[in-house]
Each structure stands twice: as structure tokens, then as C-alpha cells.
Protein backbone atom coordinates (compact mmCIF):
# COMPACT_ATOMS: atom_id res chain seq x y z
CA MET A 1 12.85 11.80 11.35
CA ASP A 2 13.16 14.46 9.08
CA ALA A 3 12.77 12.38 6.45
CA LEU A 4 9.59 11.09 7.13
CA GLN A 5 8.46 15.01 8.08
CA LYS A 6 9.44 15.61 4.24
CA ASP A 7 7.46 12.78 3.03
CA TRP A 8 4.50 13.33 5.01
CA THR A 9 4.51 17.02 3.91
CA PHE A 10 4.67 15.73 0.43
CA THR A 11 1.95 13.70 0.68
CA ARG A 12 -0.43 16.21 2.67
CA GLN A 13 0.11 19.14 -0.39
CA LEU A 14 -1.54 16.46 -2.35
CA THR A 15 -4.11 15.90 -0.18
CA VAL A 16 -4.59 19.79 -0.32
CA ASP A 17 -4.27 20.16 -3.89
CA LEU A 18 -6.87 17.69 -4.74
CA LEU A 19 -9.27 19.22 -2.62
CA ASP A 20 -8.72 22.67 -4.22
CA ALA A 21 -9.32 21.11 -7.60
CA CYS A 22 -12.87 19.74 -6.23
CA SER A 23 -15.73 21.75 -6.86
CA GLN A 24 -18.71 21.47 -4.82
CA GLY A 25 -20.09 19.03 -6.98
CA ASP A 26 -17.22 16.99 -7.08
CA LEU A 27 -17.16 17.06 -2.91
CA ASP A 28 -21.05 16.12 -3.15
CA PHE A 29 -20.14 12.69 -4.80
CA ALA A 30 -20.26 9.33 -3.90
CA LEU A 31 -18.67 6.33 -5.07
CA ASN A 32 -21.96 4.59 -3.97
CA SER A 33 -24.70 3.77 -1.68
CA HIS A 34 -22.22 2.56 0.95
CA CYS A 35 -20.03 5.55 1.00
CA GLY A 36 -20.45 8.72 2.13
CA PRO A 37 -19.46 11.65 -0.06
CA LEU A 38 -16.04 12.97 -0.85
CA TRP A 39 -16.33 15.51 1.39
CA LYS A 40 -16.98 13.48 4.41
CA GLN A 41 -13.63 11.34 3.17
CA PHE A 42 -11.54 14.65 3.45
CA ARG A 43 -13.26 15.53 7.22
CA HIS A 44 -12.13 12.19 8.03
CA MET A 45 -8.63 12.20 6.71
CA GLY A 46 -8.42 15.52 8.76
CA ARG A 47 -9.70 13.67 11.88
CA VAL A 48 -7.15 11.21 11.51
CA HIS A 49 -4.88 13.48 11.32
CA GLU A 50 -5.76 15.51 14.29
CA ASN A 51 -6.10 12.38 16.49
CA TYR A 52 -1.93 11.16 15.05
CA LEU A 53 -0.39 14.76 15.56
CA SER A 54 -2.37 14.58 19.45
CA ALA A 55 -1.00 10.94 19.97
CA LEU A 56 2.43 12.34 19.11
CA LYS A 57 2.37 15.24 21.69
CA THR A 58 0.60 12.96 24.63
CA GLY A 59 1.41 9.39 24.19
CA GLN A 60 -2.22 8.37 23.68
CA VAL A 61 -4.33 7.80 20.40
CA ASN A 62 -7.80 8.94 20.42
CA PHE A 63 -10.12 8.24 17.66
CA ASP A 64 -13.15 9.59 19.08
CA PRO A 65 -14.89 12.03 16.91
CA ALA A 66 -16.28 14.28 19.34
CA ASP A 67 -13.12 15.37 20.00
CA GLY A 68 -12.07 16.48 16.75
CA SER A 69 -12.01 20.19 15.45
CA TYR A 70 -14.03 19.98 12.65
CA ALA A 71 -17.65 21.78 12.90
CA GLY A 72 -17.75 23.20 9.21
CA LYS A 73 -20.14 22.03 6.18
CA ALA A 74 -19.56 20.10 2.78
CA SER A 75 -17.58 23.06 1.58
CA ALA A 76 -13.81 23.30 0.55
CA LYS A 77 -13.28 26.12 2.43
CA TYR A 78 -14.22 24.54 5.55
CA LEU A 79 -12.75 21.42 5.00
């Protein structure tokens, strides 16, 4: 479990570093009309992270977006 935690921490930090490097224009960018902007992709990663942390505590996985804690906007400070 320690190796898993170490790998997860490293990978999570890469995501945080990428988010920190993005300008507002970067966060507003979408690859095409079928994909949401990058800020929504980061929001999704955060929600999935919350879902799995909750599942580890409760033994149940719940992917209901209404249960997420994110209430911010398209700003890196909220993401």
C-alpha cells in the first residue's frame, strides 16, 4: 500500500503542477466541440478523486455529480 500511495502522490502532483501552469485561456480551451474545456476535465478528475476517496472510507462507490464538493467556476484557484 505504501508503494501505491507513493505512486498516487507523484501522479497527483503532476496534475496539480499542470493545473498551476495553465493560464485562464488554457483552461478555457477545448480540443473540439465534443469535449468540454480543460477546466471541466480538471473538475472531472477532482470529482473522481473524491469518489474513490469516499469509496475507500465507506466501501461504496458513488459517482453522482450532485455529491461532489466542487462549486467553483472555471478558475484554477477553485479547481
